[in-house]
Amino acid sequence: MAFQTWQVGLDIQNGQLCALAIQRRRNGWQLRHWWQHALPHDTLTNGLVQRPDPLIPLLRQWRKNLPWPISLRVGFPARLALQHALALPGTTLREPERTSYITAAAKRFFPVEPGKLALDYRQAAADSGQLWLTAARRDAVRAWLTTLDNAGLKPQVLELAPAALFALAQSLRLNPDVALVHRLPDHWLWYGAQLEPEWGWCPAHEAADLAALREKQLAGATRCYYSSALAEAPPAEADLLDPLAAFAFKQPPLPAFGGAFALAAGLALRPGDA
């Protein structure tokens, strides 16, 4: 049954949305579906859906083109989340002590009452002795889930958008010293295993081009792979990030500009939660 289920990544941004579905085969992933549609450039405001009226009917119609069931993973805006490195104690923690330790750390790190936060964490680099603790306001998470529910969508995962680049890097087996950079109309996203923190975002007006972004944020990366939602070639100092290269089986028609699907592809590739 798991091999039959489509894993679907949905990336909603100002200007456009991208969706991509894959299915596991014996020798790799098969690209089963992709979809791209223009959206108003003020669909999101500060990471929250500001104009649901044009978005919800589009999503309802799109869902009719997919099989049942699906494993839906939706990108969550990085600007709505806070992240902090958390050192693990020397002794191995078991539940419920592990949860208590993380909740206590959140009280120290994040200037919001813990009851108003949704918390998540994952192991940092192997043998680092650290977790990356991520927090988002529950009301922001609830607002996204309400919009999706109104469109008839039930995501299994809300994943931070730059974490989709992590899943893509893993699937493409890229060296850990590289950074993946994705350009959107109004902001940048990036991920790099050697960066601290590993992922980030910044508004477009704070970095006019990739060179400015590298100087400000990506000094720890030896090389950059570049994708863009703007249907543009990578700058001379970067390599093309082709998300469709992660799929062993695909057939035309394919997107004219595959880079626009970097986040949707990474979301679809993300392993499910246990």
C-alpha atoms as a PDB file:
ATOM      1  CA  MET A   1       0.000   0.000   0.000  1.00  0.00           C
ATOM      2  CA  ALA A   2       2.832   2.400   0.856  1.00  0.00           C
ATOM      3  CA  PHE A   3       4.350   1.897  -2.596  1.00  0.00           C
ATOM      4  CA  GLN A   4       1.023   2.801  -4.207  1.00  0.00           C
ATOM      5  CA  THR A   5       0.493   6.053  -2.291  1.00  0.00           C
ATOM      6  CA  TRP A   6       1.507   9.245  -4.028  1.00  0.00           C
ATOM      7  CA  GLN A   7       3.691  11.582  -1.970  1.00  0.00           C
ATOM      8  CA  VAL A   8       2.616  15.112  -2.836  1.00  0.00           C
ATOM      9  CA  GLY A   9       4.500  18.338  -2.164  1.00  0.00           C
ATOM     10  CA  LEU A  10       2.560  21.618  -2.267  1.00  0.00           C
ATOM     11  CA  ASP A  11       4.435  24.939  -2.312  1.00  0.00           C
ATOM     12  CA  ILE A  12       2.290  28.091  -2.049  1.00  0.00           C
ATOM     13  CA  GLN A  13       4.054  31.420  -2.562  1.00  0.00           C
ATOM     14  CA  ASN A  14       3.245  34.934  -3.642  1.00  0.00           C
ATOM     15  CA  GLY A  15       2.940  34.852  -7.417  1.00  0.00           C
ATOM     16  CA  GLN A  16       2.464  31.123  -7.942  1.00  0.00           C
ATOM     17  CA  LEU A  17       1.913  27.720  -6.461  1.00  0.00           C
ATOM     18  CA  CYS A  18       3.698  24.531  -7.455  1.00  0.00           C
ATOM     19  CA  ALA A  19       2.645  20.969  -6.718  1.00  0.00           C
ATOM     20  CA  LEU A  20       4.446  17.750  -7.495  1.00  0.00           C
ATOM     21  CA  ALA A  21       3.575  14.090  -6.839  1.00  0.00           C
ATOM     22  CA  ILE A  22       5.895  11.104  -6.805  1.00  0.00           C
ATOM     23  CA  GLN A  23       5.477   7.377  -6.291  1.00  0.00           C
ATOM     24  CA  ARG A  24       8.073   4.954  -5.011  1.00  0.00           C
ATOM     25  CA  ARG A  25       9.179   2.250  -7.439  1.00  0.00           C
ATOM     26  CA  ARG A  26      11.553  -0.640  -6.963  1.00  0.00           C
ATOM     27  CA  ASN A  27      14.484   1.291  -8.467  1.00  0.00           C
ATOM     28  CA  GLY A  28      13.700   4.852  -7.486  1.00  0.00           C
ATOM     29  CA  TRP A  29      11.029   7.519  -7.536  1.00  0.00           C
ATOM     30  CA  GLN A  30       8.594   8.072 -10.378  1.00  0.00           C
ATOM     31  CA  LEU A  31       7.286  11.539 -11.149  1.00  0.00           C
ATOM     32  CA  ARG A  32       3.541  11.093 -11.454  1.00  0.00           C
ATOM     33  CA  HIS A  33       2.153  14.628 -11.533  1.00  0.00           C
ATOM     34  CA  TRP A  34       3.139  18.277 -11.553  1.00  0.00           C
ATOM     35  CA  TRP A  35       1.068  21.437 -11.544  1.00  0.00           C
ATOM     36  CA  GLN A  36       1.865  25.132 -11.564  1.00  0.00           C
ATOM     37  CA  HIS A  37      -0.556  28.039 -11.371  1.00  0.00           C
ATOM     38  CA  ALA A  38      -0.237  31.808 -11.057  1.00  0.00           C
ATOM     39  CA  LEU A  39      -1.422  33.502  -7.870  1.00  0.00           C
ATOM     40  CA  PRO A  40      -1.789  37.159  -6.902  1.00  0.00           C
ATOM     41  CA  HIS A  41       1.422  38.642  -5.565  1.00  0.00           C
ATOM     42  CA  ASP A  42      -0.305  39.514  -2.295  1.00  0.00           C
ATOM     43  CA  THR A  43      -1.656  36.028  -1.607  1.00  0.00           C
ATOM     44  CA  LEU A  44       0.559  35.864   1.509  1.00  0.00           C
ATOM     45  CA  THR A  45       1.282  38.658   3.946  1.00  0.00           C
ATOM     46  CA  ASN A  46       3.994  38.030   6.522  1.00  0.00           C
ATOM     47  CA  GLY A  47       3.679  34.327   5.797  1.00  0.00           C
ATOM     48  CA  LEU A  48      -0.088  34.061   6.331  1.00  0.00           C
ATOM     49  CA  VAL A  49      -2.721  33.598   3.619  1.00  0.00           C
ATOM     50  CA  GLN A  50      -4.160  37.068   3.039  1.00  0.00           C
ATOM     51  CA  ARG A  51      -6.275  36.296  -0.024  1.00  0.00           C
ATOM     52  CA  PRO A  52      -7.860  32.845   0.302  1.00  0.00           C
ATOM     53  CA  ASP A  53     -10.654  33.521  -2.213  1.00  0.00           C
ATOM     54  CA  PRO A  54      -8.652  32.809  -5.402  1.00  0.00           C
ATOM     55  CA  LEU A  55      -6.557  30.111  -3.729  1.00  0.00           C
ATOM     56  CA  ILE A  56      -9.163  27.807  -2.209  1.00  0.00           C
ATOM     57  CA  PRO A  57     -11.180  27.095  -5.416  1.00  0.00           C
ATOM     58  CA  LEU A  58      -7.921  26.369  -7.272  1.00  0.00           C
ATOM     59  CA  LEU A  59      -6.852  23.854  -4.634  1.00  0.00           C
ATOM     60  CA  ARG A  60     -10.263  22.190  -4.573  1.00  0.00           C
ATOM     61  CA  GLN A  61     -10.186  21.699  -8.322  1.00  0.00           C
ATOM     62  CA  TRP A  62      -6.589  20.431  -8.213  1.00  0.00           C
ATOM     63  CA  ARG A  63      -7.418  17.833  -5.551  1.00  0.00           C
ATOM     64  CA  LYS A  64      -9.934  16.251  -7.931  1.00  0.00           C
ATOM     65  CA  ASN A  65      -7.051  15.330 -10.260  1.00  0.00           C
ATOM     66  CA  LEU A  66      -5.271  13.253  -7.613  1.00  0.00           C
ATOM     67  CA  PRO A  67      -5.969   9.725  -6.437  1.00  0.00           C
ATOM     68  CA  TRP A  68      -7.135   8.732  -2.975  1.00  0.00           C
ATOM     69  CA  PRO A  69      -5.355   8.517  -0.648  1.00  0.00           C
ATOM     70  CA  ILE A  70      -2.283  10.724  -0.905  1.00  0.00           C
ATOM     71  CA  SER A  71       0.461  11.694   1.531  1.00  0.00           C
ATOM     72  CA  LEU A  72       0.319  15.486   1.383  1.00  0.00           C
ATOM     73  CA  ARG A  73       3.210  17.643   2.582  1.00  0.00           C
ATOM     74  CA  VAL A  74       2.743  21.430   2.544  1.00  0.00           C
ATOM     75  CA  GLY A  75       5.435  24.088   2.848  1.00  0.00           C
ATOM     76  CA  PHE A  76       5.232  26.352   5.902  1.00  0.00           C
ATOM     77  CA  PRO A  77       6.813  29.828   5.628  1.00  0.00           C
ATOM     78  CA  ALA A  78      10.179  30.117   7.331  1.00  0.00           C
ATOM     79  CA  ARG A  79       9.390  33.641   8.503  1.00  0.00           C
ATOM     80  CA  LEU A  80       6.731  32.193  10.830  1.00  0.00           C
ATOM     81  CA  ALA A  81       9.241  30.012  12.672  1.00  0.00           C
ATOM     82  CA  LEU A  82      12.078  30.476  15.132  1.00  0.00           C
ATOM     83  CA  GLN A  83      14.996  28.070  15.463  1.00  0.00           C
ATOM     84  CA  HIS A  84      17.623  27.479  18.105  1.00  0.00           C
ATOM     85  CA  ALA A  85      20.374  24.916  18.591  1.00  0.00           C
ATOM     86  CA  LEU A  86      19.908  22.823  21.709  1.00  0.00           C
ATOM     87  CA  ALA A  87      22.785  20.856  23.237  1.00  0.00           C
ATOM     88  CA  LEU A  88      21.796  17.381  24.352  1.00  0.00           C
ATOM     89  CA  PRO A  89      22.728  16.289  27.860  1.00  0.00           C
ATOM     90  CA  GLY A  90      25.439  13.698  28.252  1.00  0.00           C
ATOM     91  CA  THR A  91      22.967  11.019  29.257  1.00  0.00           C
ATOM     92  CA  THR A  92      20.400   9.582  26.872  1.00  0.00           C
ATOM     93  CA  LEU A  93      16.922  10.916  27.587  1.00  0.00           C
ATOM     94  CA  ARG A  94      13.820   8.804  27.199  1.00  0.00           C
ATOM     95  CA  GLU A  95      10.224   9.951  27.076  1.00  0.00           C
ATOM     96  CA  PRO A  96       8.699  11.756  28.877  1.00  0.00           C
ATOM     97  CA  GLU A  97      11.974  13.256  30.154  1.00  0.00           C
ATOM     98  CA  ARG A  98      13.051  14.172  26.613  1.00  0.00           C
ATOM     99  CA  THR A  99       9.884  16.193  25.978  1.00  0.00           C
ATOM    100  CA  SER A 100      10.192  17.909  29.361  1.00  0.00           C
ATOM    101  CA  TYR A 101      13.804  18.857  28.586  1.00  0.00           C
ATOM    102  CA  ILE A 102      12.867  20.344  25.200  1.00  0.00           C
ATOM    103  CA  THR A 103       9.865  22.232  26.591  1.00  0.00           C
ATOM    104  CA  ALA A 104      12.011  23.747  29.334  1.00  0.00           C
ATOM    105  CA  ALA A 105      14.561  24.835  26.726  1.00  0.00           C
ATOM    106  CA  ALA A 106      11.827  26.479  24.650  1.00  0.00           C
ATOM    107  CA  LYS A 107      10.895  28.624  27.654  1.00  0.00           C
ATOM    108  CA  ARG A 108      14.455  29.951  27.718  1.00  0.00           C
ATOM    109  CA  PHE A 109      14.984  30.438  23.998  1.00  0.00           C
ATOM    110  CA  PHE A 110      11.699  31.764  22.626  1.00  0.00           C
ATOM    111  CA  PRO A 111       9.970  34.932  23.883  1.00  0.00           C
ATOM    112  CA  VAL A 112       6.497  33.403  23.690  1.00  0.00           C
ATOM    113  CA  GLU A 113       4.534  31.419  26.256  1.00  0.00           C
ATOM    114  CA  PRO A 114       5.191  27.713  25.573  1.00  0.00           C
ATOM    115  CA  GLY A 115       1.452  27.011  25.480  1.00  0.00           C
ATOM    116  CA  LYS A 116       1.179  29.287  22.437  1.00  0.00           C
ATOM    117  CA  LEU A 117       3.952  27.507  20.547  1.00  0.00           C
ATOM    118  CA  ALA A 118       4.019  24.433  18.344  1.00  0.00           C
ATOM    119  CA  LEU A 119       7.419  22.772  18.837  1.00  0.00           C
ATOM    120  CA  ASP A 120       9.381  20.441  16.622  1.00  0.00           C
ATOM    121  CA  TYR A 121      12.959  19.231  16.657  1.00  0.00           C
ATOM    122  CA  ARG A 122      15.389  17.125  14.686  1.00  0.00           C
ATOM    123  CA  GLN A 123      18.902  15.871  15.118  1.00  0.00           C
ATOM    124  CA  ALA A 124      21.593  18.187  13.789  1.00  0.00           C
ATOM    125  CA  ALA A 125      24.618  16.735  12.006  1.00  0.00           C
ATOM    126  CA  ALA A 126      25.525  13.212  13.069  1.00  0.00           C
ATOM    127  CA  ASP A 127      27.484  13.024  16.337  1.00  0.00           C
ATOM    128  CA  SER A 128      27.082  16.768  16.900  1.00  0.00           C
ATOM    129  CA  GLY A 129      25.341  16.306  20.234  1.00  0.00           C
ATOM    130  CA  GLN A 130      22.766  18.919  19.209  1.00  0.00           C
ATOM    131  CA  LEU A 131      19.147  19.228  18.232  1.00  0.00           C
ATOM    132  CA  TRP A 132      17.664  21.984  16.113  1.00  0.00           C
ATOM    133  CA  LEU A 133      14.609  23.153  18.024  1.00  0.00           C
ATOM    134  CA  THR A 134      11.960  24.871  15.895  1.00  0.00           C
ATOM    135  CA  ALA A 135       8.965  26.799  17.176  1.00  0.00           C
ATOM    136  CA  ALA A 136       5.983  28.452  15.501  1.00  0.00           C
ATOM    137  CA  ARG A 137       2.929  30.148  16.965  1.00  0.00           C
ATOM    138  CA  ARG A 138       0.010  27.765  17.247  1.00  0.00           C
ATOM    139  CA  ASP A 139      -2.357  30.397  15.837  1.00  0.00           C
ATOM    140  CA  ALA A 140      -0.194  30.687  12.695  1.00  0.00           C
ATOM    141  CA  VAL A 141      -0.165  26.904  12.244  1.00  0.00           C
ATOM    142  CA  ARG A 142      -3.914  26.811  12.845  1.00  0.00           C
ATOM    143  CA  ALA A 143      -4.506  29.550  10.240  1.00  0.00           C
ATOM    144  CA  TRP A 144      -2.661  27.542   7.590  1.00  0.00           C
ATOM    145  CA  LEU A 145      -4.491  24.338   8.478  1.00  0.00           C
ATOM    146  CA  THR A 146      -7.841  26.135   8.326  1.00  0.00           C
ATOM    147  CA  THR A 147      -7.126  27.423   4.816  1.00  0.00           C
ATOM    148  CA  LEU A 148      -6.112  23.967   3.659  1.00  0.00           C
ATOM    149  CA  ASP A 149      -9.118  22.367   5.323  1.00  0.00           C
ATOM    150  CA  ASN A 150     -11.416  24.808   3.526  1.00  0.00           C
ATOM    151  CA  ALA A 151      -9.868  23.575   0.287  1.00  0.00           C
ATOM    152  CA  GLY A 152     -10.519  19.953   1.219  1.00  0.00           C
ATOM    153  CA  LEU A 153      -6.862  19.193   1.954  1.00  0.00           C
ATOM    154  CA  LYS A 154      -5.556  17.248   4.939  1.00  0.00           C
ATOM    155  CA  PRO A 155      -1.754  17.519   5.095  1.00  0.00           C
ATOM    156  CA  GLN A 156       0.173  14.797   6.874  1.00  0.00           C
ATOM    157  CA  VAL A 157       3.061  17.252   7.297  1.00  0.00           C
ATOM    158  CA  LEU A 158       3.564  20.987   7.511  1.00  0.00           C
ATOM    159  CA  GLU A 159       7.268  21.388   6.755  1.00  0.00           C
ATOM    160  CA  LEU A 160       9.376  24.525   6.856  1.00  0.00           C
ATOM    161  CA  ALA A 161      10.034  25.567   3.281  1.00  0.00           C
ATOM    162  CA  PRO A 162      13.867  25.586   3.525  1.00  0.00           C
ATOM    163  CA  ALA A 163      13.776  22.119   5.104  1.00  0.00           C
ATOM    164  CA  ALA A 164      12.446  20.949   1.730  1.00  0.00           C
ATOM    165  CA  LEU A 165      15.870  21.891   0.353  1.00  0.00           C
ATOM    166  CA  PHE A 166      17.439  19.587   2.957  1.00  0.00           C
ATOM    167  CA  ALA A 167      15.334  16.656   1.708  1.00  0.00           C
ATOM    168  CA  LEU A 168      16.320  17.503  -1.863  1.00  0.00           C
ATOM    169  CA  ALA A 169      20.025  17.639  -0.976  1.00  0.00           C
ATOM    170  CA  GLN A 170      19.754  14.232   0.675  1.00  0.00           C
ATOM    171  CA  SER A 171      18.002  12.686  -2.331  1.00  0.00           C
ATOM    172  CA  LEU A 172      20.505  14.165  -4.798  1.00  0.00           C
ATOM    173  CA  ARG A 173      23.386  13.036  -2.549  1.00  0.00           C
ATOM    174  CA  LEU A 174      25.090  16.410  -2.647  1.00  0.00           C
ATOM    175  CA  ASN A 175      28.249  17.042  -0.665  1.00  0.00           C
ATOM    176  CA  PRO A 176      27.579  18.470   2.797  1.00  0.00           C
ATOM    177  CA  ASP A 177      29.781  21.513   2.181  1.00  0.00           C
ATOM    178  CA  VAL A 178      27.455  22.958  -0.484  1.00  0.00           C
ATOM    179  CA  ALA A 179      24.505  25.303  -0.023  1.00  0.00           C
ATOM    180  CA  LEU A 180      21.196  25.055  -1.852  1.00  0.00           C
ATOM    181  CA  VAL A 181      19.678  28.442  -2.652  1.00  0.00           C
ATOM    182  CA  HIS A 182      16.138  29.011  -3.896  1.00  0.00           C
ATOM    183  CA  ARG A 183      15.040  32.402  -5.146  1.00  0.00           C
ATOM    184  CA  LEU A 184      11.434  33.554  -4.880  1.00  0.00           C
ATOM    185  CA  PRO A 185       9.920  36.866  -6.030  1.00  0.00           C
ATOM    186  CA  ASP A 186      10.038  38.435  -2.569  1.00  0.00           C
ATOM    187  CA  HIS A 187      12.621  36.434  -0.583  1.00  0.00           C
ATOM    188  CA  TRP A 188      15.486  33.954  -0.577  1.00  0.00           C
ATOM    189  CA  LEU A 189      15.646  30.519   1.025  1.00  0.00           C
ATOM    190  CA  TRP A 190      18.738  28.409   1.632  1.00  0.00           C
ATOM    191  CA  TYR A 191      19.996  25.247   3.284  1.00  0.00           C
ATOM    192  CA  GLY A 192      23.522  24.032   3.974  1.00  0.00           C
ATOM    193  CA  ALA A 193      24.724  21.305   6.327  1.00  0.00           C
ATOM    194  CA  GLN A 194      27.842  23.328   7.191  1.00  0.00           C
ATOM    195  CA  LEU A 195      25.961  26.563   7.858  1.00  0.00           C
ATOM    196  CA  GLU A 196      24.852  27.689  11.294  1.00  0.00           C
ATOM    197  CA  PRO A 197      21.951  27.688  11.480  1.00  0.00           C
ATOM    198  CA  GLU A 198      21.564  25.145   8.699  1.00  0.00           C
ATOM    199  CA  TRP A 199      18.728  26.968   6.992  1.00  0.00           C
ATOM    200  CA  GLY A 200      17.510  30.517   6.633  1.00  0.00           C
ATOM    201  CA  TRP A 201      15.597  33.113   4.688  1.00  0.00           C
ATOM    202  CA  CYS A 202      15.806  36.829   4.036  1.00  0.00           C
ATOM    203  CA  PRO A 203      13.722  39.381   2.123  1.00  0.00           C
ATOM    204  CA  ALA A 204      14.834  40.063  -1.426  1.00  0.00           C
ATOM    205  CA  HIS A 205      15.550  43.712  -0.660  1.00  0.00           C
ATOM    206  CA  GLU A 206      18.277  42.658   1.798  1.00  0.00           C
ATOM    207  CA  ALA A 207      20.254  40.798  -0.887  1.00  0.00           C
ATOM    208  CA  ALA A 208      20.028  42.084  -4.434  1.00  0.00           C
ATOM    209  CA  ASP A 209      21.685  39.020  -5.966  1.00  0.00           C
ATOM    210  CA  LEU A 210      23.370  35.737  -5.098  1.00  0.00           C
ATOM    211  CA  ALA A 211      26.750  37.377  -4.565  1.00  0.00           C
ATOM    212  CA  ALA A 212      25.263  39.636  -1.895  1.00  0.00           C
ATOM    213  CA  LEU A 213      23.471  36.711  -0.287  1.00  0.00           C
ATOM    214  CA  ARG A 214      26.664  34.630  -0.157  1.00  0.00           C
ATOM    215  CA  GLU A 215      28.570  37.466   1.465  1.00  0.00           C
ATOM    216  CA  LYS A 216      25.896  38.035   4.112  1.00  0.00           C
ATOM    217  CA  GLN A 217      24.642  34.529   4.871  1.00  0.00           C
ATOM    218  CA  LEU A 218      26.528  31.704   3.133  1.00  0.00           C
ATOM    219  CA  ALA A 219      30.174  32.219   4.034  1.00  0.00           C
ATOM    220  CA  GLY A 220      30.424  28.630   5.270  1.00  0.00           C
ATOM    221  CA  ALA A 221      29.517  27.100   1.899  1.00  0.00           C
ATOM    222  CA  THR A 222      32.190  26.251  -0.667  1.00  0.00           C
ATOM    223  CA  ARG A 223      29.721  25.954  -3.541  1.00  0.00           C
ATOM    224  CA  CYS A 224      26.116  26.907  -4.314  1.00  0.00           C
ATOM    225  CA  TYR A 225      23.371  25.101  -6.184  1.00  0.00           C
ATOM    226  CA  TYR A 226      20.766  27.555  -7.419  1.00  0.00           C
ATOM    227  CA  SER A 227      17.088  27.226  -8.286  1.00  0.00           C
ATOM    228  CA  SER A 228      14.532  29.926  -8.868  1.00  0.00           C
ATOM    229  CA  ALA A 229      10.808  30.476  -9.141  1.00  0.00           C
ATOM    230  CA  LEU A 230      11.556  33.295 -11.611  1.00  0.00           C
ATOM    231  CA  ALA A 231      12.334  31.089 -14.631  1.00  0.00           C
ATOM    232  CA  GLU A 232      15.937  32.281 -14.783  1.00  0.00           C
ATOM    233  CA  ALA A 233      19.301  30.639 -15.320  1.00  0.00           C
ATOM    234  CA  PRO A 234      21.679  30.387 -12.359  1.00  0.00           C
ATOM    235  CA  PRO A 235      24.312  33.100 -11.925  1.00  0.00           C
ATOM    236  CA  ALA A 236      27.767  32.339 -13.261  1.00  0.00           C
ATOM    237  CA  GLU A 237      29.123  31.576  -9.776  1.00  0.00           C
ATOM    238  CA  ALA A 238      26.495  28.884  -9.044  1.00  0.00           C
ATOM    239  CA  ASP A 239      25.534  25.455 -10.355  1.00  0.00           C
ATOM    240  CA  LEU A 240      22.037  24.641 -11.552  1.00  0.00           C
ATOM    241  CA  LEU A 241      19.888  22.842  -8.999  1.00  0.00           C
ATOM    242  CA  ASP A 242      17.626  20.518 -10.988  1.00  0.00           C
ATOM    243  CA  PRO A 243      15.052  19.016  -8.605  1.00  0.00           C
ATOM    244  CA  LEU A 244      13.726  16.656 -11.266  1.00  0.00           C
ATOM    245  CA  ALA A 245      17.095  14.863 -11.272  1.00  0.00           C
ATOM    246  CA  ALA A 246      16.001  13.247  -7.999  1.00  0.00           C
ATOM    247  CA  PHE A 247      13.466  11.122  -9.879  1.00  0.00           C
ATOM    248  CA  ALA A 248      14.582   8.027 -11.747  1.00  0.00           C
ATOM    249  CA  PHE A 249      11.423   7.788 -13.843  1.00  0.00           C
ATOM    250  CA  LYS A 250       9.763  10.700 -15.608  1.00  0.00           C
ATOM    251  CA  GLN A 251       8.287  11.317 -19.017  1.00  0.00           C
ATOM    252  CA  PRO A 252       7.209  14.378 -21.015  1.00  0.00           C
ATOM    253  CA  PRO A 253       5.658  16.792 -20.765  1.00  0.00           C
ATOM    254  CA  LEU A 254       7.939  18.138 -18.071  1.00  0.00           C
ATOM    255  CA  PRO A 255       8.027  21.679 -16.656  1.00  0.00           C
ATOM    256  CA  ALA A 256       9.825  24.171 -18.872  1.00  0.00           C
ATOM    257  CA  PHE A 257      11.625  25.525 -15.783  1.00  0.00           C
ATOM    258  CA  GLY A 258      12.127  22.688 -13.347  1.00  0.00           C
ATOM    259  CA  GLY A 259      13.829  24.907 -10.780  1.00  0.00           C
ATOM    260  CA  ALA A 260      10.487  26.423  -9.811  1.00  0.00           C
ATOM    261  CA  PHE A 261       9.594  23.010  -8.352  1.00  0.00           C
ATOM    262  CA  ALA A 262      12.563  22.751  -5.978  1.00  0.00           C
ATOM    263  CA  LEU A 263      10.459  23.227  -2.845  1.00  0.00           C
ATOM    264  CA  ALA A 264       7.567  21.077  -4.053  1.00  0.00           C
ATOM    265  CA  ALA A 265      10.015  18.305  -4.960  1.00  0.00           C
ATOM    266  CA  GLY A 266      11.755  18.450  -1.602  1.00  0.00           C
ATOM    267  CA  LEU A 267       8.423  18.351   0.207  1.00  0.00           C
ATOM    268  CA  ALA A 268       7.340  15.298  -1.795  1.00  0.00           C
ATOM    269  CA  LEU A 269      10.667  13.576  -1.041  1.00  0.00           C
ATOM    270  CA  ARG A 270      10.514  14.269   2.677  1.00  0.00           C
ATOM    271  CA  PRO A 271      10.293  11.063   4.725  1.00  0.00           C
ATOM    272  CA  GLY A 272       7.053  10.639   6.595  1.00  0.00           C
ATOM    273  CA  ASP A 273       6.870  11.087  10.342  1.00  0.00           C
ATOM    274  CA  ALA A 274       7.022   7.939  12.402  1.00  0.00           C
END
